[in-house]
Amino acid sequence: MDHSDGQFPHTRLRRLRYNPAVRRLIAETQLDTRRLVLPLFVRPGSCVRQPIASMPGHAQLSPDLAAEEACEAVQLGLGGVILFGIPEHKDAVGSDAMCDGGVVQQALRAIKAAAPELLTITDVCCCEYTDHGHCGVVTDRAGRRDVDNDATLELLARQAVSHAQAGADMIAPSGMMDGMVGAIRRGLDAAGFGHLPIMSYAAKYASAFYGPFREAAESAPQFGDRRTYQMDPAAAAGQAIREVTLDLAEGADLIMVKPALAYLDIIRQVRDAFPGVPLAAYNVSGEYSMVHAAAERGWLDLRATAMESLTAIHRAGAGIILTYWAKDVAVWLRE
């Protein structure tokens, strides 16, 4: 039998795996610390480090400690940090999010003073700041409480401008409001921040994997859920493509898929549909915490599982990964 057509035993793919040096040589999916973004949760105060029980290794930090964390991120060579705020006071419209003295604004100034070269991204949404825990202005229509999409857009624009004035390098709107990117782009441009890029949570799903984050950000909705604005996990993949298309048309410069692991197919399809657009994926809290929980029970190897997960996200097409593993991975890659 002629095996020149690539069949066994003429072709043995194990030849590419026998030697570790060969495996390294041909590896096309390699994590880069510079493309990892570390989420930070900031709360008011000084010298405050409040551990997050469901997210081992992470804590709510006061602005001064967030600045220390930023310095460590620089030393580790991370691509940047993204900030989430836990305000002291919450109200129906999330006033603290737009306040010059808000906790994210304080953290931005502290970080820029300590680590001016570090890329600072701010999450722009209302859920952490509202007393009802939803991502915008809540109205009652025909006996049904829901987020008023259009009334929320002005708040998001004001929040983004406030972050920009405090030193943000990039704005990342996550509320999944129709028209949010356009409203924020107009607001930034009018305030003299036309140079600041927007990384839109373009395809953000109403996922069960957000549980630990809601503890970390103290942002659980006080009634109902977020399925009227976040995407349905069972929706056709084409809906994600439509969301991305609309956000790009409104002025998004980078796009994001969230969560990552359960939506690798969406990451791949978005990458194929928009090959020239920087694509990020958010390796979310539940994806992080479940690995920790299994590792604590001896069911998984923590380091190997984390690295495999992030490699899969990168292989699917995400050039940027927001992940709670960022610091760990930076250390592991150096080793």
Protein backbone atom coordinates (compact mmCIF):
# COMPACT_ATOMS: atom_id res chain seq x y z
CA MET A 1 0.00 0.00 0.00
CA ASP A 2 1.29 3.44 -0.92
CA HIS A 3 1.37 5.62 2.22
CA SER A 4 2.58 8.76 0.45
CA ASP A 5 -0.96 10.17 0.68
CA GLY A 6 -0.42 11.00 4.36
CA GLN A 7 -1.84 7.92 6.01
CA PHE A 8 -0.33 5.89 8.84
CA PRO A 9 2.39 4.64 9.10
CA HIS A 10 3.94 7.04 6.61
CA THR A 11 2.54 9.96 8.60
CA ARG A 12 3.05 9.91 12.36
CA LEU A 13 1.91 13.09 14.09
CA ARG A 14 3.53 11.92 17.32
CA ARG A 15 6.86 12.93 15.75
CA LEU A 16 5.77 16.51 16.42
CA ARG A 17 5.20 15.73 20.09
CA TYR A 18 8.12 13.51 21.08
CA ASN A 19 10.63 16.29 21.71
CA PRO A 20 9.61 19.15 24.05
CA ALA A 21 11.75 21.55 21.99
CA VAL A 22 9.77 20.65 18.87
CA ARG A 23 6.50 21.16 20.71
CA ARG A 24 7.65 24.64 21.74
CA LEU A 25 8.89 25.42 18.25
CA ILE A 26 5.61 24.69 16.51
CA ALA A 27 3.25 26.03 19.19
CA GLU A 28 1.10 28.68 17.52
CA THR A 29 -1.05 29.57 20.53
CA GLN A 30 1.12 31.18 23.16
CA LEU A 31 -0.11 33.36 25.97
CA ASP A 32 1.43 36.80 26.26
CA THR A 33 1.38 38.60 29.61
CA ARG A 34 1.08 41.92 27.79
CA ARG A 35 -2.34 40.88 26.48
CA LEU A 36 -3.80 40.06 29.90
CA VAL A 37 -5.96 42.58 31.78
CA LEU A 38 -6.45 42.31 35.54
CA PRO A 39 -9.85 43.26 37.03
CA LEU A 40 -9.72 45.28 40.25
CA PHE A 41 -12.60 46.00 42.64
CA VAL A 42 -12.27 49.33 44.42
CA ARG A 43 -14.17 50.62 47.44
CA PRO A 44 -13.89 53.79 49.55
CA GLY A 45 -11.44 54.14 52.39
CA SER A 46 -7.76 53.77 53.11
CA CYS A 47 -5.74 50.61 53.68
CA VAL A 48 -8.86 48.53 53.04
CA ARG A 49 -8.42 45.00 51.72
CA GLN A 50 -11.65 43.04 52.02
CA PRO A 51 -11.21 39.49 50.71
CA ILE A 52 -13.84 38.15 48.31
CA ALA A 53 -14.82 34.76 49.70
CA SER A 54 -15.93 33.27 46.39
CA MET A 55 -12.84 34.49 44.51
CA PRO A 56 -9.69 33.29 46.31
CA GLY A 57 -6.75 35.64 45.90
CA HIS A 58 -8.92 38.69 45.16
CA ALA A 59 -10.27 41.46 47.37
CA GLN A 60 -12.10 44.74 47.35
CA LEU A 61 -9.38 47.39 47.62
CA SER A 62 -9.31 51.01 48.68
CA PRO A 63 -7.77 53.38 46.10
CA ASP A 64 -4.36 53.42 47.81
CA LEU A 65 -4.11 49.62 47.75
CA ALA A 66 -5.43 49.54 44.18
CA ALA A 67 -2.49 51.76 43.30
CA GLU A 68 -0.11 49.25 44.91
CA GLU A 69 -1.76 46.50 42.89
CA ALA A 70 -1.26 48.59 39.77
CA CYS A 71 2.45 48.90 40.48
CA GLU A 72 2.65 45.12 40.78
CA ALA A 73 0.81 44.78 37.47
CA VAL A 74 3.49 46.94 35.86
CA GLN A 75 6.27 44.85 37.35
CA LEU A 76 4.61 41.68 36.06
CA GLY A 77 4.24 43.13 32.58
CA LEU A 78 0.44 42.96 32.43
CA GLY A 79 -1.41 44.73 29.66
CA GLY A 80 -3.54 46.79 32.02
CA VAL A 81 -6.23 46.82 34.68
CA ILE A 82 -9.99 47.28 34.51
CA LEU A 83 -11.71 48.97 37.44
CA PHE A 84 -15.07 48.18 39.04
CA GLY A 85 -16.39 50.43 41.79
CA ILE A 86 -18.27 49.65 44.99
CA PRO A 87 -19.60 53.00 46.20
CA GLU A 88 -20.35 53.98 49.76
CA HIS A 89 -23.84 55.19 48.86
CA LYS A 90 -26.21 53.86 46.21
CA ASP A 91 -29.33 55.45 44.76
CA ALA A 92 -31.84 54.88 41.97
CA VAL A 93 -29.65 56.37 39.21
CA GLY A 94 -26.15 55.47 40.45
CA SER A 95 -25.04 59.05 41.15
CA ASP A 96 -21.65 57.98 42.55
CA ALA A 97 -20.69 56.61 39.14
CA MET A 98 -20.80 60.11 37.65
CA CYS A 99 -19.31 61.96 40.62
CA ASP A 100 -15.84 63.50 40.39
CA GLY A 101 -15.17 62.17 43.89
CA GLY A 102 -16.50 58.69 43.11
CA VAL A 103 -14.51 55.65 44.13
CA VAL A 104 -13.39 54.74 40.59
CA GLN A 105 -12.36 58.33 39.97
CA GLN A 106 -10.32 58.27 43.18
CA ALA A 107 -8.71 54.99 42.20
CA LEU A 108 -7.84 56.30 38.74
CA ARG A 109 -6.00 59.28 40.19
CA ALA A 110 -4.15 57.11 42.70
CA ILE A 111 -3.13 54.60 40.04
CA LYS A 112 -2.00 57.26 37.60
CA ALA A 113 0.11 58.87 40.32
CA ALA A 114 1.75 55.54 41.22
CA ALA A 115 1.95 53.85 37.81
CA PRO A 116 1.35 56.40 35.05
CA GLU A 117 2.44 54.00 32.31
CA LEU A 118 -0.17 51.36 33.15
CA LEU A 119 -3.21 51.15 30.89
CA THR A 120 -6.34 51.88 32.94
CA ILE A 121 -9.71 50.71 31.67
CA THR A 122 -12.97 51.50 33.44
CA ASP A 123 -16.13 49.47 33.36
CA VAL A 124 -19.01 51.82 32.58
CA CYS A 125 -22.33 50.56 33.89
CA CYS A 126 -24.84 51.38 36.62
CA CYS A 127 -25.40 48.06 38.38
CA GLU A 128 -22.72 48.52 41.06
CA TYR A 129 -24.00 51.99 41.88
CA THR A 130 -27.80 51.61 41.93
CA ASP A 131 -29.80 50.58 44.97
CA HIS A 132 -31.83 48.21 42.79
CA GLY A 133 -28.79 46.54 41.21
CA HIS A 134 -29.88 46.95 37.60
CA CYS A 135 -27.82 48.45 34.81
CA GLY A 136 -29.80 51.63 34.31
CA VAL A 137 -32.84 53.71 35.18
CA VAL A 138 -35.71 51.49 36.27
CA THR A 139 -39.25 52.39 35.25
CA ASP A 140 -42.63 50.78 35.82
CA ARG A 141 -44.60 50.24 32.65
CA ALA A 142 -47.92 48.47 32.76
CA GLY A 143 -47.01 46.96 36.09
CA ARG A 144 -43.64 45.66 34.91
CA ARG A 145 -40.38 47.03 36.27
CA ASP A 146 -37.60 47.16 33.72
CA VAL A 147 -34.60 49.26 32.67
CA ASP A 148 -35.45 52.28 30.53
CA ASN A 149 -32.89 51.94 27.76
CA ASP A 150 -32.93 55.49 26.37
CA ALA A 151 -33.07 57.22 29.75
CA THR A 152 -29.94 55.29 30.76
CA LEU A 153 -27.79 56.45 27.83
CA GLU A 154 -27.16 59.94 29.19
CA LEU A 155 -26.05 58.48 32.53
CA LEU A 156 -23.56 56.18 30.80
CA ALA A 157 -22.15 59.07 28.78
CA ARG A 158 -21.73 61.21 31.90
CA GLN A 159 -20.07 58.34 33.72
CA ALA A 160 -17.63 57.79 30.85
CA VAL A 161 -16.69 61.47 30.70
CA SER A 162 -16.14 61.53 34.47
CA HIS A 163 -13.80 58.55 34.19
CA ALA A 164 -11.94 60.18 31.32
CA GLN A 165 -11.46 63.38 33.30
CA ALA A 166 -10.04 61.32 36.18
CA GLY A 167 -7.44 59.67 33.94
CA ALA A 168 -8.98 56.60 32.29
CA ASP A 169 -7.18 55.42 29.17
CA MET A 170 -10.04 53.32 27.82
CA ILE A 171 -13.78 53.11 28.40
CA ALA A 172 -15.53 49.73 28.54
CA PRO A 173 -19.35 49.95 28.59
CA SER A 174 -20.93 46.73 29.83
CA GLY A 175 -24.63 47.48 30.30
CA MET A 176 -25.86 46.07 26.97
CA MET A 177 -28.07 49.09 26.37
CA ASP A 178 -28.98 49.67 22.74
CA GLY A 179 -27.13 52.75 21.53
CA MET A 180 -24.75 52.94 24.50
CA VAL A 181 -21.57 53.07 22.41
CA GLY A 182 -22.86 55.93 20.28
CA ALA A 183 -23.98 57.91 23.32
CA ILE A 184 -20.64 57.44 25.05
CA ARG A 185 -18.70 58.28 21.88
CA ARG A 186 -20.61 61.53 21.46
CA GLY A 187 -20.13 62.38 25.12
CA LEU A 188 -16.39 61.74 25.05
CA ASP A 189 -15.90 63.65 21.81
CA ALA A 190 -17.85 66.65 23.06
CA ALA A 191 -15.76 66.73 26.26
CA GLY A 192 -12.47 66.71 24.35
CA PHE A 193 -11.69 63.00 24.69
CA GLY A 194 -11.99 61.99 21.08
CA HIS A 195 -8.68 60.16 21.41
CA LEU A 196 -9.93 57.69 24.04
CA PRO A 197 -10.90 54.25 22.69
CA ILE A 198 -14.06 52.36 23.60
CA MET A 199 -13.92 48.62 24.26
CA SER A 200 -17.52 47.51 24.12
CA TYR A 201 -18.94 44.47 25.87
CA ALA A 202 -20.57 43.86 22.51
CA ALA A 203 -21.71 40.26 23.07
CA LYS A 204 -22.46 39.90 26.77
CA TYR A 205 -24.67 37.01 27.79
CA ALA A 206 -27.06 36.64 30.72
CA SER A 207 -24.81 34.01 32.21
CA ALA A 208 -24.88 31.86 35.33
CA PHE A 209 -21.10 32.28 35.52
CA TYR A 210 -21.35 35.81 36.99
CA GLY A 211 -22.25 34.71 40.53
CA PRO A 212 -18.94 35.42 42.29
CA PHE A 213 -18.62 38.78 40.51
CA ARG A 214 -21.93 39.91 41.94
CA GLU A 215 -20.57 39.23 45.40
CA ALA A 216 -17.34 41.04 44.56
CA ALA A 217 -19.06 44.08 43.08
CA GLU A 218 -22.08 43.94 45.40
CA SER A 219 -24.26 44.27 42.33
CA ALA A 220 -26.89 41.53 42.49
CA PRO A 221 -30.25 42.79 41.18
CA GLN A 222 -32.81 43.36 43.92
CA PHE A 223 -35.63 42.09 41.74
CA GLY A 224 -35.89 40.03 38.57
CA ASP A 225 -32.82 39.45 36.45
CA ARG A 226 -30.96 41.03 33.53
CA ARG A 227 -32.35 38.92 30.73
CA THR A 228 -34.22 41.82 29.15
CA TYR A 229 -30.93 43.45 28.15
CA GLN A 230 -28.14 40.87 28.33
CA MET A 231 -28.11 38.25 25.56
CA ASP A 232 -29.90 34.92 25.86
CA PRO A 233 -27.37 32.04 25.97
CA ALA A 234 -29.65 30.09 23.64
CA ALA A 235 -29.85 32.85 21.02
CA ALA A 236 -28.50 32.22 17.55
CA ALA A 237 -24.84 33.11 17.12
CA GLY A 238 -25.87 35.57 14.45
CA GLN A 239 -27.36 37.79 17.15
CA ALA A 240 -23.85 38.30 18.57
CA ILE A 241 -22.65 39.29 15.10
CA ARG A 242 -25.46 41.83 14.87
CA GLU A 243 -24.55 43.26 18.28
CA VAL A 244 -20.91 43.64 17.27
CA THR A 245 -21.85 45.18 13.92
CA LEU A 246 -24.03 47.79 15.62
CA ASP A 247 -21.40 48.68 18.23
CA LEU A 248 -18.70 49.11 15.59
CA ALA A 249 -21.00 51.32 13.57
CA GLU A 250 -21.55 53.48 16.67
CA GLY A 251 -17.83 53.95 17.24
CA ALA A 252 -16.48 51.00 19.24
CA ASP A 253 -12.75 50.54 18.73
CA LEU A 254 -12.40 47.14 20.42
CA ILE A 255 -15.04 44.51 21.06
CA MET A 256 -15.54 41.90 23.74
CA VAL A 257 -17.29 38.58 24.23
CA LYS A 258 -18.36 37.70 27.78
CA PRO A 259 -18.16 35.05 29.24
CA ALA A 260 -15.31 33.30 27.47
CA LEU A 261 -15.13 29.54 28.06
CA ALA A 262 -18.79 28.73 27.45
CA TYR A 263 -18.77 30.97 24.36
CA LEU A 264 -15.63 29.94 22.50
CA ASP A 265 -17.77 29.40 19.42
CA ILE A 266 -18.94 33.02 19.58
CA ILE A 267 -15.36 34.26 19.98
CA ARG A 268 -14.36 32.29 16.88
CA GLN A 269 -17.28 33.52 14.80
CA VAL A 270 -16.71 37.14 15.82
CA ARG A 271 -13.02 36.84 15.00
CA ASP A 272 -13.82 35.40 11.56
CA ALA A 273 -16.47 38.03 10.84
CA PHE A 274 -14.34 41.01 11.95
CA PRO A 275 -10.70 40.01 11.32
CA GLY A 276 -9.28 43.52 11.62
CA VAL A 277 -10.96 44.49 14.90
CA PRO A 278 -9.19 43.93 18.25
CA LEU A 279 -11.13 41.24 20.10
CA ALA A 280 -11.20 40.71 23.86
CA ALA A 281 -12.82 37.98 25.93
CA TYR A 282 -13.67 38.08 29.61
CA ASN A 283 -12.67 34.95 31.52
CA VAL A 284 -15.32 35.61 34.16
CA SER A 285 -15.54 35.05 37.88
CA GLY A 286 -17.43 31.76 37.76
CA GLU A 287 -14.89 30.31 35.34
CA TYR A 288 -12.16 31.32 37.77
CA SER A 289 -13.86 30.26 41.00
CA MET A 290 -14.95 26.81 39.84
CA VAL A 291 -11.33 25.92 39.04
CA HIS A 292 -10.28 27.04 42.51
CA ALA A 293 -13.09 25.06 44.11
CA ALA A 294 -12.20 21.88 42.23
CA ALA A 295 -8.49 22.32 42.89
CA GLU A 296 -9.11 22.71 46.63
CA ARG A 297 -10.77 19.30 46.56
CA GLY A 298 -7.94 17.76 44.60
CA TRP A 299 -10.12 17.19 41.55
CA LEU A 300 -8.11 19.40 39.18
CA ASP A 301 -4.59 20.75 38.88
CA LEU A 302 -5.14 24.49 39.36
CA ARG A 303 -2.23 25.79 37.32
CA ALA A 304 -2.62 23.34 34.44
CA THR A 305 -6.37 23.93 34.21
CA ALA A 306 -6.04 27.70 34.30
CA MET A 307 -3.37 27.72 31.61
CA GLU A 308 -5.32 25.32 29.40
CA SER A 309 -8.46 27.44 29.74
CA LEU A 310 -6.71 30.67 28.79
CA THR A 311 -4.92 28.97 25.91
CA ALA A 312 -8.29 27.80 24.58
CA ILE A 313 -9.69 31.33 24.80
CA HIS A 314 -6.70 32.69 22.92
CA ARG A 315 -6.84 29.92 20.31
CA ALA A 316 -10.52 30.66 19.69
CA GLY A 317 -9.51 34.14 18.55
CA ALA A 318 -9.31 36.48 21.55
CA GLY A 319 -6.18 38.60 21.35
CA ILE A 320 -6.93 40.25 24.72
CA ILE A 321 -8.08 38.35 27.80
CA LEU A 322 -9.55 39.93 30.90
CA THR A 323 -8.87 37.41 33.63
CA TYR A 324 -8.53 37.00 37.38
CA TRP A 325 -5.60 34.68 36.63
CA ALA A 326 -3.54 37.53 35.16
CA LYS A 327 -1.00 37.87 37.98
CA ASP A 328 -0.68 34.11 38.42
CA VAL A 329 -0.11 33.57 34.71
CA ALA A 330 2.53 36.29 34.59
CA VAL A 331 4.46 34.49 37.34
CA TRP A 332 3.96 31.05 35.74
CA LEU A 333 5.17 32.27 32.34
CA ARG A 334 8.32 33.67 33.92
CA GLU A 335 8.98 30.31 35.56
